[in-house]
């Protein structure tokens, strides 16, 4: 859409069925259901980047949960993942693996 200079005008009309589905099934207020669509048309790579990042974070958490079981401290995990600020995902994964190894050794 972005390549064809589509500015999002009329997006509500084109996505009326999808927005209605979101509102009905997810109980999202009407103006919030179309804003991700507008955002994605302006920055098409953003949605993909966020989704891939989300998948990577959940994979790291599942890996930590599998390794530590009930002993996982979710707050400490979040501190490891988020505490150092913006980083590349491989760096975050390495930090999580190092943290898991330290927890297992203790």
C-alpha atoms as a PDB file:
ATOM      1  CA  UNK A   1       0.000   0.000   0.000  1.00  0.00           C
ATOM      2  CA  UNK A   2       2.798   2.384   0.877  1.00  0.00           C
ATOM      3  CA  UNK A   3       4.434   1.884  -2.509  1.00  0.00           C
ATOM      4  CA  UNK A   4       1.298   3.120  -4.267  1.00  0.00           C
ATOM      5  CA  UNK A   5       1.120   6.364  -2.261  1.00  0.00           C
ATOM      6  CA  UNK A   6      -1.896   5.144  -0.329  1.00  0.00           C
ATOM      7  CA  UNK A   7      -2.392   7.510   2.572  1.00  0.00           C
ATOM      8  CA  UNK A   8      -5.009   5.586   4.533  1.00  0.00           C
ATOM      9  CA  UNK A   9      -7.963   7.760   3.573  1.00  0.00           C
ATOM     10  CA  UNK A  10     -11.044   5.616   3.249  1.00  0.00           C
ATOM     11  CA  UNK A  11      -9.390   2.908   5.319  1.00  0.00           C
ATOM     12  CA  UNK A  12     -12.426   2.694   7.570  1.00  0.00           C
ATOM     13  CA  UNK A  13     -14.628   1.841   4.569  1.00  0.00           C
ATOM     14  CA  UNK A  14     -12.291  -0.832   3.227  1.00  0.00           C
ATOM     15  CA  UNK A  15     -11.724  -2.451   6.596  1.00  0.00           C
ATOM     16  CA  UNK A  16     -15.229  -2.086   7.960  1.00  0.00           C
ATOM     17  CA  UNK A  17     -15.780  -5.828   8.184  1.00  0.00           C
ATOM     18  CA  UNK A  18     -12.377  -6.448   9.825  1.00  0.00           C
ATOM     19  CA  UNK A  19     -12.857  -3.578  12.261  1.00  0.00           C
ATOM     20  CA  UNK A  20     -16.346  -4.785  13.132  1.00  0.00           C
ATOM     21  CA  UNK A  21     -14.946  -8.265  13.744  1.00  0.00           C
ATOM     22  CA  UNK A  22     -12.247  -6.862  16.028  1.00  0.00           C
ATOM     23  CA  UNK A  23     -14.762  -4.743  17.912  1.00  0.00           C
ATOM     24  CA  UNK A  24     -17.181  -7.633  18.337  1.00  0.00           C
ATOM     25  CA  UNK A  25     -14.700 -10.376  19.193  1.00  0.00           C
ATOM     26  CA  UNK A  26     -11.971  -8.454  20.968  1.00  0.00           C
ATOM     27  CA  UNK A  27     -14.066  -5.646  22.485  1.00  0.00           C
ATOM     28  CA  UNK A  28     -11.722  -3.010  21.078  1.00  0.00           C
ATOM     29  CA  UNK A  29     -13.161   0.533  20.889  1.00  0.00           C
ATOM     30  CA  UNK A  30     -13.839   1.548  17.295  1.00  0.00           C
ATOM     31  CA  UNK A  31     -11.094   4.154  16.901  1.00  0.00           C
ATOM     32  CA  UNK A  32      -8.446   1.731  18.215  1.00  0.00           C
ATOM     33  CA  UNK A  33      -9.382  -1.036  15.793  1.00  0.00           C
ATOM     34  CA  UNK A  34      -8.393   0.953  12.685  1.00  0.00           C
ATOM     35  CA  UNK A  35      -5.301   2.736  14.052  1.00  0.00           C
ATOM     36  CA  UNK A  36      -3.002  -0.320  13.624  1.00  0.00           C
ATOM     37  CA  UNK A  37      -4.143  -0.495   9.997  1.00  0.00           C
ATOM     38  CA  UNK A  38      -3.290   3.157   9.469  1.00  0.00           C
ATOM     39  CA  UNK A  39       0.081   2.667  11.147  1.00  0.00           C
ATOM     40  CA  UNK A  40       0.902  -0.351   9.011  1.00  0.00           C
ATOM     41  CA  UNK A  41       0.152   1.466   5.761  1.00  0.00           C
ATOM     42  CA  UNK A  42       2.547   4.268   6.652  1.00  0.00           C
ATOM     43  CA  UNK A  43       5.325   2.019   7.970  1.00  0.00           C
ATOM     44  CA  UNK A  44       4.737  -1.426   6.422  1.00  0.00           C
ATOM     45  CA  UNK A  45       7.869  -2.993   7.932  1.00  0.00           C
ATOM     46  CA  UNK A  46       6.982  -1.951  11.475  1.00  0.00           C
ATOM     47  CA  UNK A  47       4.247  -4.528  11.991  1.00  0.00           C
ATOM     48  CA  UNK A  48       6.519  -7.309  10.773  1.00  0.00           C
ATOM     49  CA  UNK A  49       9.377  -6.095  12.965  1.00  0.00           C
ATOM     50  CA  UNK A  50       7.187  -5.941  16.046  1.00  0.00           C
ATOM     51  CA  UNK A  51       5.755  -9.380  15.354  1.00  0.00           C
ATOM     52  CA  UNK A  52       9.174 -10.969  14.831  1.00  0.00           C
ATOM     53  CA  UNK A  53      10.469  -9.327  18.000  1.00  0.00           C
ATOM     54  CA  UNK A  54       7.471 -10.565  19.941  1.00  0.00           C
ATOM     55  CA  UNK A  55       8.074 -14.108  18.704  1.00  0.00           C
ATOM     56  CA  UNK A  56      11.733 -13.907  19.708  1.00  0.00           C
ATOM     57  CA  UNK A  57      10.929 -12.657  23.216  1.00  0.00           C
ATOM     58  CA  UNK A  58       8.358 -15.404  23.763  1.00  0.00           C
ATOM     59  CA  UNK A  59      10.802 -18.016  22.459  1.00  0.00           C
ATOM     60  CA  UNK A  60      13.425 -16.782  24.932  1.00  0.00           C
ATOM     61  CA  UNK A  61      10.906 -16.945  27.754  1.00  0.00           C
ATOM     62  CA  UNK A  62       9.815 -20.477  26.818  1.00  0.00           C
ATOM     63  CA  UNK A  63      13.465 -21.523  26.676  1.00  0.00           C
ATOM     64  CA  UNK A  64      14.055 -20.075  30.154  1.00  0.00           C
ATOM     65  CA  UNK A  65      10.873 -21.683  31.516  1.00  0.00           C
ATOM     66  CA  UNK A  66      11.841 -25.060  30.066  1.00  0.00           C
ATOM     67  CA  UNK A  67      15.315 -24.840  31.590  1.00  0.00           C
ATOM     68  CA  UNK A  68      14.341 -23.471  35.012  1.00  0.00           C
ATOM     69  CA  UNK A  69      10.843 -24.878  35.444  1.00  0.00           C
ATOM     70  CA  UNK A  70       9.001 -23.541  38.488  1.00  0.00           C
ATOM     71  CA  UNK A  71      12.174 -21.820  39.710  1.00  0.00           C
ATOM     72  CA  UNK A  72      11.936 -19.109  37.048  1.00  0.00           C
ATOM     73  CA  UNK A  73      11.663 -15.584  38.401  1.00  0.00           C
ATOM     74  CA  UNK A  74       9.636 -13.733  35.772  1.00  0.00           C
ATOM     75  CA  UNK A  75      10.543 -10.300  37.164  1.00  0.00           C
ATOM     76  CA  UNK A  76      14.243 -11.141  36.986  1.00  0.00           C
ATOM     77  CA  UNK A  77      13.727 -12.476  33.459  1.00  0.00           C
ATOM     78  CA  UNK A  78      12.093  -9.203  32.431  1.00  0.00           C
ATOM     79  CA  UNK A  79      14.963  -7.266  34.007  1.00  0.00           C
ATOM     80  CA  UNK A  80      17.454  -9.275  31.939  1.00  0.00           C
ATOM     81  CA  UNK A  81      15.461  -8.759  28.739  1.00  0.00           C
ATOM     82  CA  UNK A  82      14.534  -5.093  29.196  1.00  0.00           C
ATOM     83  CA  UNK A  83      17.071  -3.727  31.678  1.00  0.00           C
ATOM     84  CA  UNK A  84      19.866  -2.942  29.233  1.00  0.00           C
ATOM     85  CA  UNK A  85      17.591  -1.014  26.859  1.00  0.00           C
ATOM     86  CA  UNK A  86      17.367  -1.405  23.101  1.00  0.00           C
ATOM     87  CA  UNK A  87      19.598  -4.165  21.785  1.00  0.00           C
ATOM     88  CA  UNK A  88      19.731  -6.587  18.902  1.00  0.00           C
ATOM     89  CA  UNK A  89      17.638  -9.711  19.447  1.00  0.00           C
ATOM     90  CA  UNK A  90      20.647 -12.085  19.297  1.00  0.00           C
ATOM     91  CA  UNK A  91      22.192 -10.081  22.144  1.00  0.00           C
ATOM     92  CA  UNK A  92      19.009 -10.437  24.185  1.00  0.00           C
ATOM     93  CA  UNK A  93      18.929 -14.176  23.507  1.00  0.00           C
ATOM     94  CA  UNK A  94      22.573 -14.515  24.602  1.00  0.00           C
ATOM     95  CA  UNK A  95      21.854 -12.568  27.801  1.00  0.00           C
ATOM     96  CA  UNK A  96      18.882 -14.815  28.579  1.00  0.00           C
ATOM     97  CA  UNK A  97      20.942 -17.959  28.005  1.00  0.00           C
ATOM     98  CA  UNK A  98      23.726 -16.616  30.216  1.00  0.00           C
ATOM     99  CA  UNK A  99      21.172 -15.734  32.910  1.00  0.00           C
ATOM    100  CA  UNK A 100      19.640 -19.232  32.728  1.00  0.00           C
ATOM    101  CA  UNK A 101      23.095 -20.836  33.029  1.00  0.00           C
ATOM    102  CA  UNK A 102      23.874 -18.687  36.090  1.00  0.00           C
ATOM    103  CA  UNK A 103      20.540 -19.630  37.687  1.00  0.00           C
ATOM    104  CA  UNK A 104      21.133 -23.315  37.020  1.00  0.00           C
ATOM    105  CA  UNK A 105      24.635 -23.147  38.500  1.00  0.00           C
ATOM    106  CA  UNK A 106      23.380 -21.489  41.693  1.00  0.00           C
END
